[in-house]
Amino acid sequence: MSALYLLHKPYRMLSQFTDRKTPDRERRATLADIIDVPGIYPAGRLDHDSEGLLLLSDDGELIHRISDPRHKQPKTYRVQVEGQPDDAALQALRDGVPLKDGKTRPAKVRRLAESELPERDPPLDTRRHPLTTWLELTLTEGRNRQVRRMTAHVGHPTLRLVRVAIGPWRLDGLLPGQWRRETLNAPRRAPAGARRGRTTGGGRR
């Protein structure tokens, strides 16, 4: 049996347990600030300014199976973009857009009436960005900052990006900084309660 940890990475947190601090920069928040389970490592990453689902485990084979691009785990994101993309822009994202490292694979894209996500801390500045749209994108590849480059290519820069699913695993029920543990290769049980702060079996904030 393997243990898998589903964690909601907050905004402006590194997807690693340490920060290589330099004299001219303050220490940045890391995973060590919210989860203190020894011997676990992330399967993949999220950028410092992205949020959402991060999977961690102490099983190296499982980490490889989740993160290896050859296994094509679909990843779903909710993305707040500048302006209001028209149907042509959404169709371009679906068809694939040309980036410097090649054309992207076809993606699933739809508009959302609302994100159904908690507000970011700090929140988006609505005076600077008075008109925005939420989209949901599902990709089957994982290039560097791919979602941001795709939306910028069709004229609607990404303002907020939250990963809500990796393959069968979803962010549902987890607030920023919370996590839960699942056991694989065993009968599925009801998800353990989300943990935050100094609770039994939980991480430290």
N, C-alpha and C. Protein backbone atom coordinates (compact mmCIF):
# COMPACT_ATOMS: atom_id res chain seq x y z
N MET A 1 0.84 -1.19 0.00
CA MET A 1 0.00 0.00 0.00
C MET A 1 0.88 1.25 0.00
N SER A 2 0.42 2.27 -0.67
CA SER A 2 1.16 3.52 -0.75
C SER A 2 0.31 4.65 -0.19
N ALA A 3 0.97 5.57 0.47
CA ALA A 3 0.27 6.74 1.00
C ALA A 3 0.43 7.89 0.02
N LEU A 4 -0.68 8.56 -0.27
CA LEU A 4 -0.67 9.72 -1.15
C LEU A 4 -1.29 10.89 -0.38
N TYR A 5 -0.63 12.03 -0.45
CA TYR A 5 -1.10 13.22 0.26
C TYR A 5 -1.57 14.24 -0.77
N LEU A 6 -2.80 14.69 -0.60
CA LEU A 6 -3.38 15.72 -1.46
C LEU A 6 -3.33 17.03 -0.70
N LEU A 7 -2.67 18.03 -1.26
CA LEU A 7 -2.43 19.29 -0.56
C LEU A 7 -2.87 20.45 -1.44
N HIS A 8 -3.49 21.45 -0.82
CA HIS A 8 -3.87 22.68 -1.52
C HIS A 8 -2.77 23.70 -1.30
N LYS A 9 -1.91 23.85 -2.30
CA LYS A 9 -0.79 24.80 -2.18
C LYS A 9 -1.31 26.23 -2.28
N PRO A 10 -1.00 27.06 -1.29
CA PRO A 10 -1.45 28.45 -1.35
C PRO A 10 -0.64 29.26 -2.37
N TYR A 11 -1.15 30.43 -2.67
CA TYR A 11 -0.48 31.42 -3.51
C TYR A 11 0.83 31.84 -2.86
N ARG A 12 1.85 32.05 -3.68
CA ARG A 12 3.17 32.49 -3.24
C ARG A 12 3.80 31.55 -2.23
N MET A 13 3.71 30.26 -2.53
CA MET A 13 4.42 29.23 -1.76
C MET A 13 5.19 28.36 -2.74
N LEU A 14 6.42 27.98 -2.37
CA LEU A 14 7.22 27.10 -3.21
C LEU A 14 6.69 25.67 -3.13
N SER A 15 6.82 24.93 -4.23
CA SER A 15 6.40 23.51 -4.25
C SER A 15 7.55 22.63 -3.80
N GLN A 16 8.20 23.01 -2.72
CA GLN A 16 9.33 22.27 -2.16
C GLN A 16 9.41 22.58 -0.67
N PHE A 17 10.27 21.83 0.02
CA PHE A 17 10.31 21.94 1.48
C PHE A 17 11.37 22.91 1.99
N THR A 18 12.24 23.41 1.12
CA THR A 18 13.26 24.36 1.54
C THR A 18 13.34 25.49 0.54
N ASP A 19 13.89 26.60 0.99
CA ASP A 19 14.10 27.76 0.12
C ASP A 19 15.56 28.15 0.20
N ARG A 20 16.17 28.25 -0.95
CA ARG A 20 17.58 28.67 -0.99
C ARG A 20 17.64 30.18 -0.86
N LYS A 21 17.58 30.62 0.37
CA LYS A 21 17.54 32.04 0.67
C LYS A 21 18.85 32.72 0.29
N THR A 22 18.75 33.90 -0.27
CA THR A 22 19.92 34.71 -0.59
C THR A 22 19.90 35.95 0.28
N PRO A 23 21.07 36.59 0.49
CA PRO A 23 21.12 37.74 1.40
C PRO A 23 20.19 38.88 1.00
N ASP A 24 19.87 39.01 -0.29
CA ASP A 24 19.07 40.13 -0.75
C ASP A 24 17.57 39.80 -0.83
N ARG A 25 17.17 38.64 -0.29
CA ARG A 25 15.77 38.25 -0.41
C ARG A 25 15.30 37.57 0.87
N GLU A 26 14.07 37.88 1.28
CA GLU A 26 13.51 37.24 2.46
C GLU A 26 13.15 35.79 2.14
N ARG A 27 13.10 34.97 3.19
CA ARG A 27 12.70 33.58 3.02
C ARG A 27 11.28 33.50 2.50
N ARG A 28 11.05 32.61 1.51
CA ARG A 28 9.72 32.39 0.97
C ARG A 28 9.05 31.21 1.67
N ALA A 29 7.72 31.21 1.67
CA ALA A 29 6.98 30.11 2.28
C ALA A 29 7.24 28.82 1.51
N THR A 30 7.32 27.70 2.22
CA THR A 30 7.55 26.39 1.62
C THR A 30 6.53 25.39 2.14
N LEU A 31 6.54 24.19 1.56
CA LEU A 31 5.63 23.14 2.01
C LEU A 31 5.85 22.77 3.47
N ALA A 32 7.07 22.98 3.97
CA ALA A 32 7.36 22.67 5.37
C ALA A 32 6.53 23.51 6.33
N ASP A 33 5.97 24.61 5.84
CA ASP A 33 5.16 25.47 6.70
C ASP A 33 3.76 24.91 6.92
N ILE A 34 3.34 23.94 6.10
CA ILE A 34 1.95 23.45 6.23
C ILE A 34 1.83 21.94 6.36
N ILE A 35 2.90 21.18 6.08
CA ILE A 35 2.81 19.72 6.23
C ILE A 35 4.15 19.21 6.77
N ASP A 36 4.08 18.42 7.85
CA ASP A 36 5.31 17.98 8.51
C ASP A 36 5.45 16.46 8.51
N VAL A 37 4.95 15.81 7.46
CA VAL A 37 5.09 14.36 7.32
C VAL A 37 6.49 14.07 6.80
N PRO A 38 7.30 13.27 7.50
CA PRO A 38 8.68 13.04 7.05
C PRO A 38 8.75 12.13 5.83
N GLY A 39 9.73 12.38 4.98
CA GLY A 39 10.05 11.47 3.88
C GLY A 39 9.16 11.55 2.67
N ILE A 40 8.33 12.58 2.56
CA ILE A 40 7.46 12.69 1.39
C ILE A 40 8.00 13.76 0.44
N TYR A 41 7.70 13.58 -0.86
CA TYR A 41 8.17 14.48 -1.89
C TYR A 41 7.03 14.75 -2.87
N PRO A 42 7.01 15.94 -3.49
CA PRO A 42 5.93 16.25 -4.43
C PRO A 42 6.10 15.51 -5.75
N ALA A 43 4.97 15.10 -6.34
CA ALA A 43 4.94 14.51 -7.67
C ALA A 43 4.61 15.63 -8.64
N GLY A 44 5.63 16.28 -9.17
CA GLY A 44 5.41 17.46 -10.00
C GLY A 44 5.46 18.72 -9.15
N ARG A 45 5.05 19.82 -9.74
CA ARG A 45 5.16 21.10 -9.04
C ARG A 45 4.10 22.07 -9.53
N LEU A 46 3.97 23.15 -8.79
CA LEU A 46 3.19 24.31 -9.19
C LEU A 46 4.09 25.53 -9.03
N ASP A 47 3.95 26.50 -9.91
CA ASP A 47 4.74 27.71 -9.81
C ASP A 47 4.45 28.44 -8.50
N HIS A 48 5.39 29.28 -8.10
CA HIS A 48 5.28 30.08 -6.87
C HIS A 48 3.99 30.88 -6.85
N ASP A 49 3.57 31.41 -8.01
CA ASP A 49 2.38 32.25 -8.07
C ASP A 49 1.13 31.50 -8.50
N SER A 50 1.19 30.17 -8.54
CA SER A 50 0.01 29.34 -8.84
C SER A 50 -0.46 28.66 -7.56
N GLU A 51 -1.69 28.19 -7.59
CA GLU A 51 -2.31 27.59 -6.41
C GLU A 51 -2.90 26.23 -6.75
N GLY A 52 -3.33 25.52 -5.72
CA GLY A 52 -4.13 24.34 -5.96
C GLY A 52 -3.48 23.02 -5.63
N LEU A 53 -3.96 21.98 -6.32
CA LEU A 53 -3.67 20.60 -5.95
C LEU A 53 -2.21 20.23 -6.23
N LEU A 54 -1.56 19.72 -5.18
CA LEU A 54 -0.22 19.15 -5.27
C LEU A 54 -0.28 17.77 -4.62
N LEU A 55 0.27 16.77 -5.30
CA LEU A 55 0.30 15.41 -4.77
C LEU A 55 1.69 15.10 -4.24
N LEU A 56 1.74 14.45 -3.06
CA LEU A 56 3.01 14.09 -2.43
C LEU A 56 2.95 12.65 -1.97
N SER A 57 4.11 12.00 -1.92
CA SER A 57 4.17 10.61 -1.45
C SER A 57 5.58 10.29 -1.01
N ASP A 58 5.73 9.17 -0.26
CA ASP A 58 7.05 8.65 0.07
C ASP A 58 7.40 7.47 -0.83
N ASP A 59 6.55 7.18 -1.81
CA ASP A 59 6.72 6.07 -2.74
C ASP A 59 7.28 6.62 -4.05
N GLY A 60 8.58 6.37 -4.30
CA GLY A 60 9.22 6.92 -5.48
C GLY A 60 8.60 6.44 -6.78
N GLU A 61 8.20 5.17 -6.82
CA GLU A 61 7.59 4.65 -8.04
C GLU A 61 6.25 5.33 -8.31
N LEU A 62 5.48 5.57 -7.27
CA LEU A 62 4.20 6.26 -7.43
C LEU A 62 4.42 7.69 -7.90
N ILE A 63 5.40 8.39 -7.32
CA ILE A 63 5.71 9.75 -7.74
C ILE A 63 6.06 9.78 -9.22
N HIS A 64 6.87 8.82 -9.66
CA HIS A 64 7.26 8.76 -11.07
C HIS A 64 6.05 8.50 -11.96
N ARG A 65 5.19 7.61 -11.51
CA ARG A 65 4.02 7.24 -12.32
C ARG A 65 3.07 8.44 -12.47
N ILE A 66 2.96 9.25 -11.45
CA ILE A 66 2.08 10.41 -11.51
C ILE A 66 2.69 11.53 -12.34
N SER A 67 3.99 11.77 -12.17
CA SER A 67 4.61 12.96 -12.77
C SER A 67 5.20 12.74 -14.14
N ASP A 68 5.45 11.49 -14.54
CA ASP A 68 6.08 11.22 -15.84
C ASP A 68 5.12 11.63 -16.96
N PRO A 69 5.54 12.52 -17.88
CA PRO A 69 4.66 12.95 -18.97
C PRO A 69 4.16 11.81 -19.84
N ARG A 70 4.90 10.70 -19.89
CA ARG A 70 4.48 9.58 -20.74
C ARG A 70 3.17 8.97 -20.26
N HIS A 71 2.83 9.14 -19.00
CA HIS A 71 1.59 8.58 -18.48
C HIS A 71 0.39 9.49 -18.73
N LYS A 72 0.66 10.74 -19.15
CA LYS A 72 -0.38 11.65 -19.63
C LYS A 72 -1.54 11.80 -18.64
N GLN A 73 -1.20 12.04 -17.38
CA GLN A 73 -2.26 12.32 -16.42
C GLN A 73 -2.89 13.67 -16.78
N PRO A 74 -4.17 13.71 -17.12
CA PRO A 74 -4.78 15.01 -17.41
C PRO A 74 -4.79 15.89 -16.17
N LYS A 75 -4.58 17.18 -16.38
CA LYS A 75 -4.58 18.15 -15.28
C LYS A 75 -5.59 19.23 -15.61
N THR A 76 -6.43 19.55 -14.61
CA THR A 76 -7.49 20.53 -14.82
C THR A 76 -7.21 21.76 -13.97
N TYR A 77 -7.38 22.92 -14.59
CA TYR A 77 -7.10 24.21 -13.95
C TYR A 77 -8.31 25.12 -14.07
N ARG A 78 -8.54 25.92 -13.04
CA ARG A 78 -9.48 27.03 -13.13
C ARG A 78 -8.64 28.30 -13.20
N VAL A 79 -8.92 29.09 -14.23
CA VAL A 79 -8.03 30.18 -14.60
C VAL A 79 -8.83 31.47 -14.73
N GLN A 80 -8.42 32.48 -14.00
CA GLN A 80 -9.03 33.81 -14.12
C GLN A 80 -8.18 34.62 -15.09
N VAL A 81 -8.79 35.04 -16.20
CA VAL A 81 -8.05 35.75 -17.23
C VAL A 81 -8.55 37.18 -17.38
N GLU A 82 -7.69 38.01 -17.95
CA GLU A 82 -8.05 39.40 -18.23
C GLU A 82 -9.07 39.46 -19.36
N GLY A 83 -10.11 40.27 -19.19
CA GLY A 83 -11.07 40.48 -20.25
C GLY A 83 -12.08 39.35 -20.38
N GLN A 84 -12.71 39.30 -21.55
CA GLN A 84 -13.74 38.30 -21.84
C GLN A 84 -13.40 37.60 -23.17
N PRO A 85 -12.79 36.43 -23.11
CA PRO A 85 -12.44 35.72 -24.34
C PRO A 85 -13.69 35.39 -25.16
N ASP A 86 -13.62 35.61 -26.47
CA ASP A 86 -14.75 35.26 -27.32
C ASP A 86 -14.65 33.79 -27.74
N ASP A 87 -15.62 33.34 -28.51
CA ASP A 87 -15.65 31.93 -28.91
C ASP A 87 -14.43 31.54 -29.73
N ALA A 88 -13.93 32.48 -30.54
CA ALA A 88 -12.76 32.18 -31.37
C ALA A 88 -11.52 31.93 -30.50
N ALA A 89 -11.37 32.71 -29.44
CA ALA A 89 -10.23 32.52 -28.54
C ALA A 89 -10.31 31.17 -27.83
N LEU A 90 -11.51 30.80 -27.39
CA LEU A 90 -11.67 29.52 -26.71
C LEU A 90 -11.42 28.37 -27.68
N GLN A 91 -11.87 28.51 -28.92
CA GLN A 91 -11.65 27.46 -29.90
C GLN A 91 -10.16 27.31 -30.23
N ALA A 92 -9.44 28.41 -30.24
CA ALA A 92 -7.99 28.34 -30.47
C ALA A 92 -7.31 27.55 -29.36
N LEU A 93 -7.73 27.76 -28.12
CA LEU A 93 -7.16 26.99 -27.01
C LEU A 93 -7.50 25.51 -27.15
N ARG A 94 -8.71 25.22 -27.60
CA ARG A 94 -9.12 23.82 -27.79
C ARG A 94 -8.30 23.15 -28.89
N ASP A 95 -8.05 23.89 -29.96
CA ASP A 95 -7.36 23.32 -31.10
C ASP A 95 -5.86 23.18 -30.88
N GLY A 96 -5.31 24.01 -29.99
CA GLY A 96 -3.87 24.05 -29.78
C GLY A 96 -3.29 25.33 -30.36
N VAL A 97 -2.43 25.98 -29.59
CA VAL A 97 -1.85 27.25 -30.03
C VAL A 97 -0.35 27.08 -30.21
N PRO A 98 0.25 27.81 -31.17
CA PRO A 98 1.69 27.71 -31.41
C PRO A 98 2.49 28.49 -30.37
N LEU A 99 3.34 27.80 -29.63
CA LEU A 99 4.24 28.43 -28.67
C LEU A 99 5.68 28.25 -29.16
N LYS A 100 6.62 28.86 -28.49
CA LYS A 100 8.01 28.76 -28.93
C LYS A 100 8.53 27.33 -28.93
N ASP A 101 7.98 26.49 -28.04
CA ASP A 101 8.42 25.10 -27.97
C ASP A 101 7.45 24.17 -28.70
N GLY A 102 6.68 24.70 -29.64
CA GLY A 102 5.80 23.87 -30.46
C GLY A 102 4.33 24.09 -30.15
N LYS A 103 3.49 23.57 -31.01
CA LYS A 103 2.05 23.72 -30.84
C LYS A 103 1.56 22.85 -29.69
N THR A 104 0.64 23.39 -28.90
CA THR A 104 0.10 22.65 -27.77
C THR A 104 -0.90 21.60 -28.25
N ARG A 105 -1.07 20.57 -27.45
CA ARG A 105 -2.07 19.56 -27.76
C ARG A 105 -3.47 20.14 -27.55
N PRO A 106 -4.46 19.57 -28.20
CA PRO A 106 -5.84 20.03 -27.97
C PRO A 106 -6.20 19.97 -26.49
N ALA A 107 -6.94 20.96 -26.04
CA ALA A 107 -7.33 21.06 -24.63
C ALA A 107 -8.84 21.15 -24.52
N LYS A 108 -9.35 20.74 -23.37
CA LYS A 108 -10.75 20.96 -23.07
C LYS A 108 -10.86 22.33 -22.40
N VAL A 109 -11.78 23.16 -22.88
CA VAL A 109 -11.91 24.51 -22.37
C VAL A 109 -13.39 24.87 -22.26
N ARG A 110 -13.76 25.49 -21.14
CA ARG A 110 -15.12 25.99 -21.00
C ARG A 110 -15.13 27.22 -20.10
N ARG A 111 -16.10 28.08 -20.33
CA ARG A 111 -16.30 29.24 -19.45
C ARG A 111 -16.98 28.79 -18.16
N LEU A 112 -16.70 29.52 -17.09
CA LEU A 112 -17.35 29.27 -15.81
C LEU A 112 -18.09 30.51 -15.37
N ALA A 113 -19.27 30.33 -14.84
CA ALA A 113 -20.01 31.48 -14.30
C ALA A 113 -19.31 32.02 -13.05
N GLU A 114 -18.72 31.11 -12.27
CA GLU A 114 -17.93 31.49 -11.10
C GLU A 114 -16.92 30.40 -10.82
N SER A 115 -15.90 30.72 -10.04
CA SER A 115 -14.81 29.77 -9.83
C SER A 115 -15.14 28.70 -8.80
N GLU A 116 -16.02 29.01 -7.84
CA GLU A 116 -16.31 28.13 -6.70
C GLU A 116 -15.05 27.86 -5.88
N LEU A 117 -14.15 28.83 -5.85
CA LEU A 117 -12.90 28.73 -5.10
C LEU A 117 -12.87 29.80 -4.01
N PRO A 118 -12.13 29.55 -2.93
CA PRO A 118 -11.97 30.60 -1.92
C PRO A 118 -11.18 31.77 -2.49
N GLU A 119 -11.39 32.95 -1.93
CA GLU A 119 -10.66 34.13 -2.40
C GLU A 119 -9.18 33.98 -2.12
N ARG A 120 -8.37 34.50 -3.02
CA ARG A 120 -6.93 34.43 -2.84
C ARG A 120 -6.47 35.39 -1.76
N ASP A 121 -5.37 35.05 -1.10
CA ASP A 121 -4.76 35.91 -0.09
C ASP A 121 -3.32 36.24 -0.55
N PRO A 122 -3.06 37.49 -0.96
CA PRO A 122 -3.97 38.64 -1.04
C PRO A 122 -4.90 38.53 -2.25
N PRO A 123 -6.06 39.20 -2.21
CA PRO A 123 -6.99 39.10 -3.32
C PRO A 123 -6.51 39.85 -4.55
N LEU A 124 -7.07 39.50 -5.68
CA LEU A 124 -6.78 40.20 -6.93
C LEU A 124 -7.25 41.65 -6.82
N ASP A 125 -6.47 42.57 -7.36
CA ASP A 125 -6.81 43.99 -7.34
C ASP A 125 -7.86 44.28 -8.42
N THR A 126 -9.10 44.44 -8.00
CA THR A 126 -10.18 44.64 -8.96
C THR A 126 -10.14 46.02 -9.61
N ARG A 127 -9.43 46.96 -9.02
CA ARG A 127 -9.29 48.28 -9.66
C ARG A 127 -8.37 48.18 -10.88
N ARG A 128 -7.35 47.36 -10.78
CA ARG A 128 -6.44 47.17 -11.92
C ARG A 128 -7.04 46.22 -12.95
N HIS A 129 -7.89 45.30 -12.49
CA HIS A 129 -8.46 44.29 -13.38
C HIS A 129 -9.98 44.25 -13.20
N PRO A 130 -10.68 45.26 -13.71
CA PRO A 130 -12.12 45.33 -13.46
C PRO A 130 -12.93 44.30 -14.24
N LEU A 131 -12.41 43.79 -15.35
CA LEU A 131 -13.15 42.85 -16.18
C LEU A 131 -12.35 41.56 -16.35
N THR A 132 -12.86 40.48 -15.77
CA THR A 132 -12.16 39.20 -15.85
C THR A 132 -13.15 38.08 -16.16
N THR A 133 -12.62 36.94 -16.56
CA THR A 133 -13.43 35.76 -16.86
C THR A 133 -12.76 34.53 -16.29
N TRP A 134 -13.56 33.63 -15.73
CA TRP A 134 -13.05 32.35 -15.26
C TRP A 134 -13.23 31.29 -16.36
N LEU A 135 -12.16 30.55 -16.61
CA LEU A 135 -12.18 29.42 -17.54
C LEU A 135 -11.75 28.17 -16.82
N GLU A 136 -12.15 27.02 -17.35
CA GLU A 136 -11.63 25.74 -16.89
C GLU A 136 -10.93 25.07 -18.06
N LEU A 137 -9.66 24.73 -17.88
CA LEU A 137 -8.86 24.09 -18.92
C LEU A 137 -8.37 22.75 -18.43
N THR A 138 -8.45 21.73 -19.27
CA THR A 138 -7.88 20.42 -18.98
C THR A 138 -6.84 20.12 -20.03
N LEU A 139 -5.59 19.88 -19.58
CA LEU A 139 -4.46 19.63 -20.47
C LEU A 139 -3.95 18.21 -20.29
N THR A 140 -3.33 17.68 -21.34
CA THR A 140 -2.71 16.35 -21.25
C THR A 140 -1.21 16.44 -21.44
N GLU A 141 -0.64 17.60 -21.24
CA GLU A 141 0.81 17.79 -21.27
C GLU A 141 1.15 18.83 -20.23
N GLY A 142 2.42 18.92 -19.88
CA GLY A 142 2.81 19.82 -18.80
C GLY A 142 4.07 20.60 -19.10
N ARG A 143 3.97 21.55 -20.01
CA ARG A 143 5.12 22.41 -20.31
C ARG A 143 5.23 23.52 -19.26
N ASN A 144 6.39 24.15 -19.23
CA ASN A 144 6.65 25.21 -18.27
C ASN A 144 5.68 26.37 -18.49
N ARG A 145 4.93 26.72 -17.45
CA ARG A 145 3.98 27.83 -17.44
C ARG A 145 3.06 27.79 -18.67
N GLN A 146 2.63 26.60 -19.01
CA GLN A 146 1.88 26.40 -20.24
C GLN A 146 0.56 27.15 -20.28
N VAL A 147 -0.24 27.05 -19.21
CA VAL A 147 -1.55 27.70 -19.22
C VAL A 147 -1.39 29.20 -19.39
N ARG A 148 -0.46 29.79 -18.69
CA ARG A 148 -0.24 31.23 -18.79
C ARG A 148 0.17 31.63 -20.20
N ARG A 149 1.03 30.84 -20.81
CA ARG A 149 1.46 31.17 -22.18
C ARG A 149 0.32 30.99 -23.17
N MET A 150 -0.51 29.99 -22.96
CA MET A 150 -1.63 29.76 -23.87
C MET A 150 -2.64 30.90 -23.82
N THR A 151 -3.03 31.32 -22.63
CA THR A 151 -4.03 32.39 -22.54
C THR A 151 -3.46 33.72 -23.02
N ALA A 152 -2.16 33.95 -22.76
CA ALA A 152 -1.54 35.18 -23.26
C ALA A 152 -1.52 35.18 -24.78
N HIS A 153 -1.31 34.02 -25.38
CA HIS A 153 -1.25 33.92 -26.85
C HIS A 153 -2.58 34.34 -27.49
N VAL A 154 -3.70 34.04 -26.83
CA VAL A 154 -5.00 34.42 -27.41
C VAL A 154 -5.47 35.78 -26.89
N GLY A 155 -4.57 36.52 -26.23
CA GLY A 155 -4.87 37.89 -25.85
C GLY A 155 -5.53 38.09 -24.51
N HIS A 156 -5.49 37.07 -23.63
CA HIS A 156 -6.14 37.18 -22.33
C HIS A 156 -5.21 36.64 -21.25
N PRO A 157 -4.29 37.48 -20.77
CA PRO A 157 -3.32 37.02 -19.77
C PRO A 157 -3.97 36.42 -18.53
N THR A 158 -3.32 35.41 -17.98
CA THR A 158 -3.80 34.77 -16.76
C THR A 158 -3.49 35.65 -15.55
N LEU A 159 -4.50 35.87 -14.72
CA LEU A 159 -4.34 36.64 -13.49
C LEU A 159 -4.29 35.75 -12.26
N ARG A 160 -4.98 34.63 -12.32
CA ARG A 160 -4.98 33.67 -11.21
C ARG A 160 -5.13 32.27 -11.79
N LEU A 161 -4.35 31.34 -11.26
CA LEU A 161 -4.37 29.97 -11.77
C LEU A 161 -4.42 29.00 -10.60
N VAL A 162 -5.43 28.11 -10.63
CA VAL A 162 -5.63 27.15 -9.54
C VAL A 162 -5.82 25.76 -10.16
N ARG A 163 -4.94 24.82 -9.82
CA ARG A 163 -5.11 23.45 -10.31
C ARG A 163 -6.11 22.73 -9.42
N VAL A 164 -7.15 22.15 -10.04
CA VAL A 164 -8.21 21.52 -9.26
C VAL A 164 -8.23 20.00 -9.40
N ALA A 165 -7.48 19.44 -10.35
CA ALA A 165 -7.49 17.98 -10.50
C ALA A 165 -6.22 17.52 -11.21
N ILE A 166 -5.75 16.34 -10.80
CA ILE A 166 -4.67 15.61 -11.48
C ILE A 166 -5.18 14.20 -11.64
N GLY A 167 -5.45 13.79 -12.89
CA GLY A 167 -6.02 12.47 -13.10
C GLY A 167 -7.30 12.31 -12.28
N PRO A 168 -7.40 11.25 -11.47
CA PRO A 168 -8.63 11.02 -10.69
C PRO A 168 -8.68 11.80 -9.37
N TRP A 169 -7.59 12.49 -9.02
CA TRP A 169 -7.53 13.16 -7.73
C TRP A 169 -7.97 14.61 -7.87
N ARG A 170 -8.81 15.06 -6.92
CA ARG A 170 -9.39 16.39 -7.00
C ARG A 170 -9.12 17.19 -5.72
N LEU A 171 -9.18 18.49 -5.89
CA LEU A 171 -8.93 19.42 -4.79
C LEU A 171 -10.13 19.53 -3.84
N ASP A 172 -11.25 18.97 -4.21
CA ASP A 172 -12.52 19.15 -3.49
C ASP A 172 -12.35 19.05 -1.97
N GLY A 173 -12.89 20.04 -1.27
CA GLY A 173 -12.92 19.99 0.19
C GLY A 173 -11.70 20.52 0.89
N LEU A 174 -10.67 20.93 0.16
CA LEU A 174 -9.45 21.43 0.78
C LEU A 174 -9.33 22.93 0.58
N LEU A 175 -9.15 23.65 1.67
CA LEU A 175 -8.87 25.07 1.62
C LEU A 175 -7.36 25.28 1.48
N PRO A 176 -6.91 26.46 1.08
CA PRO A 176 -5.47 26.70 0.99
C PRO A 176 -4.75 26.35 2.28
N GLY A 177 -3.68 25.57 2.15
CA GLY A 177 -2.91 25.15 3.32
C GLY A 177 -3.39 23.85 3.95
N GLN A 178 -4.50 23.30 3.51
CA GLN A 178 -5.01 22.04 4.06
C GLN A 178 -4.55 20.86 3.21
N TRP A 179 -4.56 19.68 3.84
CA TRP A 179 -4.17 18.45 3.14
C TRP A 179 -4.91 17.26 3.72
N ARG A 180 -4.93 16.18 2.96
CA ARG A 180 -5.48 14.93 3.45
C ARG A 180 -4.67 13.77 2.89
N ARG A 181 -4.78 12.64 3.56
CA ARG A 181 -4.02 11.45 3.19
C ARG A 181 -4.95 10.40 2.62
N GLU A 182 -4.53 9.76 1.52
CA GLU A 182 -5.25 8.64 0.96
C GLU A 182 -4.31 7.44 0.87
N THR A 183 -4.89 6.25 1.00
CA THR A 183 -4.12 5.02 0.87
C THR A 183 -4.51 4.35 -0.44
N LEU A 184 -3.52 4.07 -1.27
CA LEU A 184 -3.75 3.44 -2.56
C LEU A 184 -3.54 1.93 -2.46
N ASN A 185 -4.05 1.21 -3.45
CA ASN A 185 -3.96 -0.26 -3.49
C ASN A 185 -4.65 -0.89 -2.29
N ALA A 186 -5.74 -0.26 -1.88
CA ALA A 186 -6.53 -0.77 -0.75
C ALA A 186 -7.96 -0.34 -0.98
N PRO A 187 -8.94 -1.00 -0.36
CA PRO A 187 -10.33 -0.56 -0.51
C PRO A 187 -10.47 0.91 -0.18
N ARG A 188 -11.17 1.63 -1.02
CA ARG A 188 -11.30 3.07 -0.84
C ARG A 188 -12.15 3.38 0.37
N ARG A 189 -11.63 4.25 1.20
CA ARG A 189 -12.35 4.67 2.39
C ARG A 189 -12.80 6.12 2.22
N ALA A 190 -13.70 6.52 3.10
CA ALA A 190 -14.10 7.93 3.08
C ALA A 190 -12.86 8.78 3.35
N PRO A 191 -12.69 9.92 2.63
CA PRO A 191 -11.52 10.76 2.81
C PRO A 191 -11.37 11.21 4.25
N ALA A 192 -10.13 11.21 4.71
CA ALA A 192 -9.86 11.72 6.05
C ALA A 192 -10.16 13.20 6.09
N GLY A 193 -10.47 13.70 7.27
CA GLY A 193 -10.78 15.12 7.40
C GLY A 193 -9.60 15.98 7.00
N ALA A 194 -9.87 17.11 6.39
CA ALA A 194 -8.81 18.03 6.00
C ALA A 194 -8.10 18.53 7.25
N ARG A 195 -6.80 18.72 7.13
CA ARG A 195 -6.01 19.12 8.29
C ARG A 195 -5.33 20.46 8.01
N ARG A 196 -5.23 21.25 9.06
CA ARG A 196 -4.55 22.52 8.94
C ARG A 196 -4.04 22.93 10.32
N GLY A 197 -2.83 23.45 10.35
CA GLY A 197 -2.29 23.90 11.62
C GLY A 197 -1.82 22.73 12.45
N ARG A 198 -1.69 22.93 13.73
CA ARG A 198 -1.14 21.91 14.63
C ARG A 198 -2.23 21.00 15.15
N THR A 199 -2.77 20.19 14.27
CA THR A 199 -3.77 19.20 14.66
C THR A 199 -3.14 17.83 14.59
N THR A 200 -3.78 16.85 15.18
CA THR A 200 -3.24 15.50 15.21
C THR A 200 -3.08 14.98 13.78
N GLY A 201 -1.86 14.60 13.42
CA GLY A 201 -1.58 14.06 12.09
C GLY A 201 -1.51 15.13 11.03
N GLY A 202 -1.71 16.39 11.37
CA GLY A 202 -1.74 17.44 10.37
C GLY A 202 -0.42 18.14 10.24
N GLY A 203 -0.42 19.15 9.43
CA GLY A 203 0.79 19.91 9.21
C GLY A 203 0.77 21.16 10.06
N ARG A 204 1.88 21.87 10.08
CA ARG A 204 1.95 23.13 10.80
C ARG A 204 1.84 24.26 9.79
N ARG A 205 1.16 25.29 10.20
CA ARG A 205 0.88 26.38 9.28
C ARG A 205 2.11 27.22 9.06
